[in-house]
Amino acid sequence: MDIYIYDQHTGEDKTYSKDAIADFLHDHLDEFGDKREDIMRAIHYAFAEKPGQDGYVVVGVEEGEIVGAVIMNETGMSGYIPENILVYIAVDRKMRGKGAGKQLMNAAIGKAKGNIALHVEPNNPAKFLYEKLGFTNKYLEMRLNRS
């Protein structure tokens, strides 16, 4: 698998456009996914040229096709709020269990400056990969949705 990393400084490869990445994630996140427009917002944040917004996109490719993708948003903070939020990761269903997720995560972690947080559902099989990579569960997430 070839791995490409895009950010606001490198731009996007038109072969693997923001739309293609969003479509891939929307299709392969399965029950753990979000609406396509929410995925696009995370991608736009990673490519934003606004102060305080930054991040990057990691794309795994085999035979010219996207087989995995990671969206990492940088928070601009540090300490109790980590510098990075791993917003999305997905691997093509045909590639699962073959190490593609680990390769993508290692590339994403390697580019990150500072700590990384992520949200994972307890029944998501990716939880085991995160634990193998050293992620721990220190906090219980709670939200007040006001919409």
N, C-alpha and C. Protein backbone atom coordinates (compact mmCIF):
# COMPACT_ATOMS: atom_id res chain seq x y z
N MET A 1 0.85 -1.18 0.00
CA MET A 1 0.00 0.00 0.00
C MET A 1 0.89 1.23 0.00
N ASP A 2 0.60 2.17 -0.88
CA ASP A 2 1.27 3.46 -0.91
C ASP A 2 0.51 4.41 0.00
N ILE A 3 1.25 5.24 0.72
CA ILE A 3 0.63 6.18 1.65
C ILE A 3 0.99 7.60 1.24
N TYR A 4 -0.03 8.45 1.17
CA TYR A 4 0.14 9.86 0.83
C TYR A 4 -0.41 10.70 1.99
N ILE A 5 0.30 11.77 2.31
CA ILE A 5 -0.14 12.68 3.37
C ILE A 5 -0.32 14.07 2.76
N TYR A 6 -1.52 14.62 2.94
CA TYR A 6 -1.84 15.93 2.40
C TYR A 6 -2.21 16.87 3.55
N ASP A 7 -1.75 18.12 3.42
CA ASP A 7 -2.14 19.15 4.38
C ASP A 7 -2.28 20.47 3.63
N GLN A 8 -2.54 21.53 4.35
CA GLN A 8 -2.75 22.81 3.69
C GLN A 8 -1.49 23.31 2.99
N HIS A 9 -0.34 22.77 3.35
CA HIS A 9 0.91 23.21 2.73
C HIS A 9 1.22 22.40 1.46
N THR A 10 0.86 21.13 1.45
CA THR A 10 1.10 20.30 0.27
C THR A 10 -0.08 20.32 -0.67
N GLY A 11 -1.25 20.71 -0.18
CA GLY A 11 -2.45 20.70 -1.01
C GLY A 11 -2.98 19.29 -1.18
N GLU A 12 -3.96 19.16 -2.04
CA GLU A 12 -4.54 17.84 -2.28
C GLU A 12 -4.12 17.37 -3.66
N ASP A 13 -4.01 16.09 -3.81
CA ASP A 13 -3.74 15.47 -5.10
C ASP A 13 -5.10 15.32 -5.78
N LYS A 14 -5.25 15.88 -6.96
CA LYS A 14 -6.56 15.84 -7.65
C LYS A 14 -6.99 14.41 -7.94
N THR A 15 -6.04 13.48 -7.98
CA THR A 15 -6.39 12.07 -8.16
C THR A 15 -7.21 11.58 -6.97
N TYR A 16 -6.84 12.06 -5.78
CA TYR A 16 -7.52 11.67 -4.55
C TYR A 16 -8.09 12.94 -3.92
N SER A 17 -9.10 13.49 -4.55
CA SER A 17 -9.68 14.77 -4.15
C SER A 17 -10.38 14.67 -2.80
N LYS A 18 -10.72 15.82 -2.24
CA LYS A 18 -11.48 15.87 -1.00
C LYS A 18 -12.78 15.09 -1.15
N ASP A 19 -13.43 15.26 -2.29
CA ASP A 19 -14.69 14.55 -2.52
C ASP A 19 -14.48 13.04 -2.57
N ALA A 20 -13.41 12.59 -3.23
CA ALA A 20 -13.14 11.15 -3.32
C ALA A 20 -12.85 10.58 -1.94
N ILE A 21 -12.11 11.33 -1.13
CA ILE A 21 -11.78 10.88 0.23
C ILE A 21 -13.04 10.83 1.09
N ALA A 22 -13.88 11.86 0.98
CA ALA A 22 -15.14 11.89 1.74
C ALA A 22 -16.05 10.75 1.32
N ASP A 23 -16.13 10.49 0.03
CA ASP A 23 -16.96 9.39 -0.45
C ASP A 23 -16.45 8.06 0.10
N PHE A 24 -15.13 7.87 0.07
CA PHE A 24 -14.55 6.63 0.59
C PHE A 24 -14.89 6.46 2.07
N LEU A 25 -14.64 7.50 2.87
CA LEU A 25 -14.92 7.41 4.30
C LEU A 25 -16.40 7.16 4.56
N HIS A 26 -17.26 7.88 3.86
CA HIS A 26 -18.70 7.72 4.06
C HIS A 26 -19.12 6.28 3.79
N ASP A 27 -18.52 5.68 2.77
CA ASP A 27 -18.87 4.31 2.40
C ASP A 27 -18.30 3.28 3.38
N HIS A 28 -17.06 3.49 3.85
CA HIS A 28 -16.36 2.44 4.60
C HIS A 28 -16.36 2.61 6.12
N LEU A 29 -16.93 3.69 6.63
CA LEU A 29 -17.01 3.83 8.08
C LEU A 29 -18.13 2.97 8.67
N ASP A 30 -18.97 2.46 7.82
CA ASP A 30 -20.06 1.58 8.23
C ASP A 30 -20.91 2.23 9.32
N GLU A 31 -21.31 1.48 10.32
CA GLU A 31 -22.20 2.02 11.36
C GLU A 31 -21.53 3.03 12.26
N PHE A 32 -20.21 3.20 12.13
CA PHE A 32 -19.48 4.15 12.97
C PHE A 32 -19.30 5.50 12.27
N GLY A 33 -19.92 5.67 11.12
CA GLY A 33 -19.73 6.86 10.31
C GLY A 33 -20.69 7.99 10.63
N ASP A 34 -20.45 9.07 9.94
CA ASP A 34 -21.26 10.27 10.05
C ASP A 34 -21.79 10.64 8.68
N LYS A 35 -22.58 11.69 8.64
CA LYS A 35 -23.08 12.19 7.37
C LYS A 35 -21.91 12.69 6.53
N ARG A 36 -22.04 12.59 5.22
CA ARG A 36 -20.97 13.00 4.32
C ARG A 36 -20.58 14.47 4.55
N GLU A 37 -21.56 15.33 4.81
CA GLU A 37 -21.24 16.75 5.01
C GLU A 37 -20.40 16.96 6.27
N ASP A 38 -20.58 16.12 7.29
CA ASP A 38 -19.73 16.23 8.49
C ASP A 38 -18.30 15.77 8.17
N ILE A 39 -18.18 14.73 7.37
CA ILE A 39 -16.84 14.28 6.95
C ILE A 39 -16.16 15.38 6.15
N MET A 40 -16.89 16.03 5.26
CA MET A 40 -16.32 17.13 4.47
C MET A 40 -15.88 18.28 5.36
N ARG A 41 -16.62 18.57 6.42
CA ARG A 41 -16.21 19.65 7.32
C ARG A 41 -14.87 19.34 7.97
N ALA A 42 -14.67 18.07 8.37
CA ALA A 42 -13.39 17.68 8.97
C ALA A 42 -12.26 17.80 7.95
N ILE A 43 -12.52 17.44 6.71
CA ILE A 43 -11.51 17.56 5.66
C ILE A 43 -11.19 19.02 5.40
N HIS A 44 -12.22 19.85 5.28
CA HIS A 44 -11.99 21.28 5.05
C HIS A 44 -11.21 21.92 6.21
N TYR A 45 -11.48 21.49 7.42
CA TYR A 45 -10.73 21.99 8.59
C TYR A 45 -9.25 21.66 8.43
N ALA A 46 -8.96 20.43 7.99
CA ALA A 46 -7.56 20.02 7.82
C ALA A 46 -6.85 20.84 6.76
N PHE A 47 -7.57 21.31 5.76
CA PHE A 47 -6.97 22.08 4.67
C PHE A 47 -7.21 23.59 4.83
N ALA A 48 -7.77 24.02 5.93
CA ALA A 48 -8.13 25.43 6.11
C ALA A 48 -6.89 26.31 6.11
N GLU A 49 -7.08 27.50 5.62
CA GLU A 49 -6.00 28.49 5.67
C GLU A 49 -6.34 29.58 6.67
N LYS A 50 -7.16 29.24 7.65
CA LYS A 50 -7.56 30.17 8.70
C LYS A 50 -6.69 29.92 9.93
N PRO A 51 -6.35 30.96 10.67
CA PRO A 51 -5.61 30.75 11.91
C PRO A 51 -6.39 29.85 12.86
N GLY A 52 -5.70 28.91 13.49
CA GLY A 52 -6.33 28.03 14.46
C GLY A 52 -6.95 26.79 13.85
N GLN A 53 -6.95 26.68 12.53
CA GLN A 53 -7.47 25.47 11.87
C GLN A 53 -6.35 24.86 11.05
N ASP A 54 -6.17 23.57 11.22
CA ASP A 54 -5.09 22.89 10.54
C ASP A 54 -5.33 21.39 10.66
N GLY A 55 -4.48 20.63 10.08
CA GLY A 55 -4.57 19.19 10.16
C GLY A 55 -4.01 18.57 8.90
N TYR A 56 -4.35 17.30 8.68
CA TYR A 56 -3.87 16.61 7.50
C TYR A 56 -4.71 15.39 7.23
N VAL A 57 -4.53 14.87 6.03
CA VAL A 57 -5.27 13.71 5.56
C VAL A 57 -4.24 12.67 5.11
N VAL A 58 -4.40 11.45 5.58
CA VAL A 58 -3.54 10.35 5.17
C VAL A 58 -4.39 9.44 4.29
N VAL A 59 -3.86 9.11 3.11
CA VAL A 59 -4.60 8.27 2.17
C VAL A 59 -3.75 7.07 1.82
N GLY A 60 -4.33 5.88 1.94
CA GLY A 60 -3.68 4.64 1.52
C GLY A 60 -4.24 4.23 0.17
N VAL A 61 -3.34 3.87 -0.75
CA VAL A 61 -3.74 3.58 -2.12
C VAL A 61 -3.12 2.27 -2.58
N GLU A 62 -3.92 1.47 -3.26
CA GLU A 62 -3.43 0.26 -3.92
C GLU A 62 -4.02 0.20 -5.31
N GLU A 63 -3.16 -0.01 -6.29
CA GLU A 63 -3.59 -0.10 -7.69
C GLU A 63 -4.45 1.10 -8.09
N GLY A 64 -4.06 2.29 -7.63
CA GLY A 64 -4.75 3.52 -8.00
C GLY A 64 -6.04 3.79 -7.28
N GLU A 65 -6.45 2.92 -6.38
CA GLU A 65 -7.71 3.09 -5.65
C GLU A 65 -7.46 3.37 -4.17
N ILE A 66 -8.27 4.24 -3.60
CA ILE A 66 -8.18 4.50 -2.16
C ILE A 66 -8.62 3.25 -1.41
N VAL A 67 -7.79 2.79 -0.49
CA VAL A 67 -8.13 1.62 0.33
C VAL A 67 -8.13 1.97 1.82
N GLY A 68 -7.80 3.21 2.15
CA GLY A 68 -7.82 3.65 3.54
C GLY A 68 -7.62 5.14 3.62
N ALA A 69 -8.15 5.74 4.68
CA ALA A 69 -8.00 7.18 4.86
C ALA A 69 -8.11 7.54 6.34
N VAL A 70 -7.36 8.58 6.71
CA VAL A 70 -7.38 9.12 8.07
C VAL A 70 -7.53 10.63 7.95
N ILE A 71 -8.37 11.22 8.79
CA ILE A 71 -8.48 12.67 8.90
C ILE A 71 -8.01 13.04 10.30
N MET A 72 -6.97 13.87 10.38
CA MET A 72 -6.45 14.35 11.66
C MET A 72 -6.63 15.87 11.68
N ASN A 73 -7.32 16.37 12.69
CA ASN A 73 -7.47 17.82 12.87
C ASN A 73 -6.61 18.26 14.03
N GLU A 74 -5.88 19.34 13.82
CA GLU A 74 -5.04 19.91 14.88
C GLU A 74 -5.87 20.93 15.65
N THR A 75 -5.77 20.88 16.98
CA THR A 75 -6.63 21.73 17.82
C THR A 75 -6.03 23.10 18.09
N GLY A 76 -4.72 23.23 17.96
CA GLY A 76 -4.09 24.49 18.33
C GLY A 76 -3.94 24.64 19.83
N MET A 77 -4.18 23.58 20.57
CA MET A 77 -4.09 23.61 22.02
C MET A 77 -3.08 22.56 22.47
N SER A 78 -2.87 22.48 23.76
CA SER A 78 -2.00 21.44 24.32
C SER A 78 -2.34 21.25 25.78
N GLY A 79 -1.77 20.20 26.37
CA GLY A 79 -2.04 19.92 27.78
C GLY A 79 -3.26 19.06 27.92
N TYR A 80 -4.24 19.55 28.68
CA TYR A 80 -5.42 18.73 28.94
C TYR A 80 -6.27 18.55 27.69
N ILE A 81 -6.14 19.45 26.72
CA ILE A 81 -6.77 19.27 25.41
C ILE A 81 -5.63 18.90 24.47
N PRO A 82 -5.66 17.72 23.87
CA PRO A 82 -4.54 17.29 23.03
C PRO A 82 -4.40 18.14 21.77
N GLU A 83 -3.20 18.14 21.24
CA GLU A 83 -2.89 18.93 20.06
C GLU A 83 -3.60 18.40 18.80
N ASN A 84 -3.96 17.13 18.80
CA ASN A 84 -4.54 16.50 17.62
C ASN A 84 -5.77 15.68 17.98
N ILE A 85 -6.74 15.71 17.07
CA ILE A 85 -7.93 14.86 17.19
C ILE A 85 -7.98 14.01 15.93
N LEU A 86 -7.93 12.70 16.12
CA LEU A 86 -8.12 11.80 15.00
C LEU A 86 -9.63 11.71 14.79
N VAL A 87 -10.10 12.32 13.73
CA VAL A 87 -11.54 12.44 13.52
C VAL A 87 -12.10 11.20 12.82
N TYR A 88 -11.42 10.74 11.77
CA TYR A 88 -11.90 9.59 11.02
C TYR A 88 -10.76 8.69 10.58
N ILE A 89 -11.01 7.40 10.59
CA ILE A 89 -10.15 6.42 9.94
C ILE A 89 -11.06 5.32 9.41
N ALA A 90 -10.80 4.91 8.19
CA ALA A 90 -11.53 3.79 7.61
C ALA A 90 -10.60 3.02 6.68
N VAL A 91 -10.85 1.73 6.62
CA VAL A 91 -10.11 0.84 5.72
C VAL A 91 -11.13 0.11 4.87
N ASP A 92 -10.82 -0.05 3.61
CA ASP A 92 -11.68 -0.80 2.69
C ASP A 92 -11.99 -2.16 3.28
N ARG A 93 -13.22 -2.58 3.17
CA ARG A 93 -13.65 -3.86 3.75
C ARG A 93 -12.77 -5.02 3.29
N LYS A 94 -12.30 -4.99 2.05
CA LYS A 94 -11.47 -6.07 1.52
C LYS A 94 -10.06 -6.07 2.12
N MET A 95 -9.66 -4.97 2.74
CA MET A 95 -8.30 -4.84 3.28
C MET A 95 -8.24 -5.02 4.79
N ARG A 96 -9.36 -5.14 5.44
CA ARG A 96 -9.39 -5.23 6.90
C ARG A 96 -8.72 -6.50 7.37
N GLY A 97 -7.98 -6.37 8.47
CA GLY A 97 -7.29 -7.51 9.04
C GLY A 97 -5.96 -7.83 8.37
N LYS A 98 -5.50 -6.96 7.47
CA LYS A 98 -4.26 -7.20 6.73
C LYS A 98 -3.17 -6.19 7.05
N GLY A 99 -3.38 -5.39 8.09
CA GLY A 99 -2.36 -4.43 8.51
C GLY A 99 -2.47 -3.04 7.91
N ALA A 100 -3.46 -2.81 7.05
CA ALA A 100 -3.61 -1.50 6.42
C ALA A 100 -3.92 -0.42 7.45
N GLY A 101 -4.80 -0.73 8.40
CA GLY A 101 -5.15 0.24 9.44
C GLY A 101 -3.93 0.63 10.26
N LYS A 102 -3.10 -0.34 10.59
CA LYS A 102 -1.89 -0.06 11.36
C LYS A 102 -0.93 0.82 10.57
N GLN A 103 -0.79 0.55 9.27
CA GLN A 103 0.08 1.39 8.44
C GLN A 103 -0.44 2.82 8.39
N LEU A 104 -1.72 2.98 8.19
CA LEU A 104 -2.32 4.32 8.15
C LEU A 104 -2.13 5.05 9.48
N MET A 105 -2.41 4.34 10.57
CA MET A 105 -2.26 4.95 11.90
C MET A 105 -0.81 5.34 12.17
N ASN A 106 0.13 4.48 11.82
CA ASN A 106 1.54 4.82 12.03
C ASN A 106 1.95 6.05 11.24
N ALA A 107 1.45 6.19 10.01
CA ALA A 107 1.74 7.38 9.22
C ALA A 107 1.13 8.62 9.86
N ALA A 108 -0.12 8.50 10.32
CA ALA A 108 -0.80 9.64 10.95
C ALA A 108 -0.11 10.03 12.25
N ILE A 109 0.26 9.04 13.06
CA ILE A 109 0.96 9.31 14.32
C ILE A 109 2.32 9.92 14.05
N GLY A 110 3.01 9.42 13.03
CA GLY A 110 4.34 9.93 12.70
C GLY A 110 4.34 11.39 12.31
N LYS A 111 3.29 11.86 11.69
CA LYS A 111 3.20 13.27 11.28
C LYS A 111 2.76 14.18 12.42
N ALA A 112 2.05 13.63 13.38
CA ALA A 112 1.47 14.45 14.46
C ALA A 112 2.55 15.06 15.34
N LYS A 113 2.29 16.30 15.73
CA LYS A 113 3.12 16.97 16.72
C LYS A 113 2.28 17.07 17.98
N GLY A 114 2.70 16.40 19.03
CA GLY A 114 1.95 16.43 20.27
C GLY A 114 1.04 15.22 20.43
N ASN A 115 0.17 15.32 21.41
CA ASN A 115 -0.72 14.21 21.76
C ASN A 115 -1.89 14.09 20.79
N ILE A 116 -2.48 12.90 20.79
CA ILE A 116 -3.61 12.61 19.89
C ILE A 116 -4.75 12.03 20.72
N ALA A 117 -5.95 12.52 20.47
CA ALA A 117 -7.16 11.96 21.07
C ALA A 117 -8.04 11.44 19.95
N LEU A 118 -8.88 10.48 20.29
CA LEU A 118 -9.86 9.98 19.34
C LEU A 118 -11.06 9.48 20.10
N HIS A 119 -12.16 9.34 19.41
CA HIS A 119 -13.38 8.78 19.99
C HIS A 119 -13.61 7.45 19.31
N VAL A 120 -13.87 6.42 20.08
CA VAL A 120 -14.15 5.11 19.51
C VAL A 120 -15.30 4.48 20.29
N GLU A 121 -16.23 3.90 19.56
CA GLU A 121 -17.33 3.19 20.20
C GLU A 121 -16.78 1.91 20.84
N PRO A 122 -17.33 1.49 21.97
CA PRO A 122 -16.80 0.30 22.65
C PRO A 122 -16.86 -0.97 21.82
N ASN A 123 -17.80 -1.06 20.88
CA ASN A 123 -17.93 -2.26 20.07
C ASN A 123 -17.23 -2.16 18.71
N ASN A 124 -16.47 -1.10 18.50
CA ASN A 124 -15.75 -0.92 17.24
C ASN A 124 -14.49 -1.80 17.25
N PRO A 125 -14.31 -2.68 16.28
CA PRO A 125 -13.12 -3.54 16.25
C PRO A 125 -11.81 -2.76 16.19
N ALA A 126 -11.85 -1.51 15.70
CA ALA A 126 -10.63 -0.69 15.63
C ALA A 126 -10.09 -0.36 17.02
N LYS A 127 -10.92 -0.48 18.04
CA LYS A 127 -10.49 -0.19 19.42
C LYS A 127 -9.25 -1.02 19.77
N PHE A 128 -9.19 -2.26 19.31
CA PHE A 128 -8.04 -3.11 19.62
C PHE A 128 -6.76 -2.60 18.96
N LEU A 129 -6.88 -2.08 17.74
CA LEU A 129 -5.72 -1.48 17.07
C LEU A 129 -5.22 -0.28 17.85
N TYR A 130 -6.13 0.58 18.27
CA TYR A 130 -5.73 1.77 19.03
C TYR A 130 -5.00 1.38 20.31
N GLU A 131 -5.52 0.38 20.99
CA GLU A 131 -4.88 -0.07 22.23
C GLU A 131 -3.49 -0.63 21.95
N LYS A 132 -3.33 -1.39 20.87
CA LYS A 132 -2.01 -1.93 20.51
C LYS A 132 -1.02 -0.82 20.20
N LEU A 133 -1.52 0.29 19.69
CA LEU A 133 -0.66 1.43 19.36
C LEU A 133 -0.37 2.32 20.56
N GLY A 134 -0.96 2.00 21.71
CA GLY A 134 -0.66 2.75 22.93
C GLY A 134 -1.74 3.72 23.39
N PHE A 135 -2.86 3.79 22.70
CA PHE A 135 -3.94 4.66 23.14
C PHE A 135 -4.56 4.07 24.40
N THR A 136 -4.92 4.94 25.34
CA THR A 136 -5.55 4.51 26.57
C THR A 136 -6.89 5.23 26.74
N ASN A 137 -7.71 4.71 27.63
CA ASN A 137 -9.01 5.29 27.89
C ASN A 137 -9.02 5.84 29.31
N LYS A 138 -8.70 7.10 29.42
CA LYS A 138 -8.64 7.73 30.74
C LYS A 138 -9.97 8.38 31.12
N TYR A 139 -10.71 8.86 30.13
CA TYR A 139 -11.91 9.63 30.40
C TYR A 139 -13.15 8.99 29.81
N LEU A 140 -14.27 9.27 30.42
CA LEU A 140 -15.57 8.92 29.88
C LEU A 140 -16.09 10.18 29.18
N GLU A 141 -16.43 10.08 27.92
CA GLU A 141 -16.92 11.24 27.20
C GLU A 141 -18.39 11.47 27.52
N MET A 142 -18.72 12.72 27.77
CA MET A 142 -20.11 13.11 27.97
C MET A 142 -20.36 14.35 27.13
N ARG A 143 -21.58 14.48 26.59
CA ARG A 143 -21.91 15.63 25.76
C ARG A 143 -23.28 16.16 26.11
N LEU A 144 -23.45 17.43 25.93
CA LEU A 144 -24.75 18.07 26.00
C LEU A 144 -25.03 18.59 24.59
N ASN A 145 -25.94 17.94 23.89
CA ASN A 145 -26.29 18.36 22.54
C ASN A 145 -27.43 19.36 22.62
N ARG A 146 -27.21 20.54 22.10
CA ARG A 146 -28.17 21.62 22.22
C ARG A 146 -28.83 21.94 20.89
N SER A 147 -28.93 20.96 20.01
CA SER A 147 -29.55 21.25 18.72
C SER A 147 -30.97 20.76 18.63
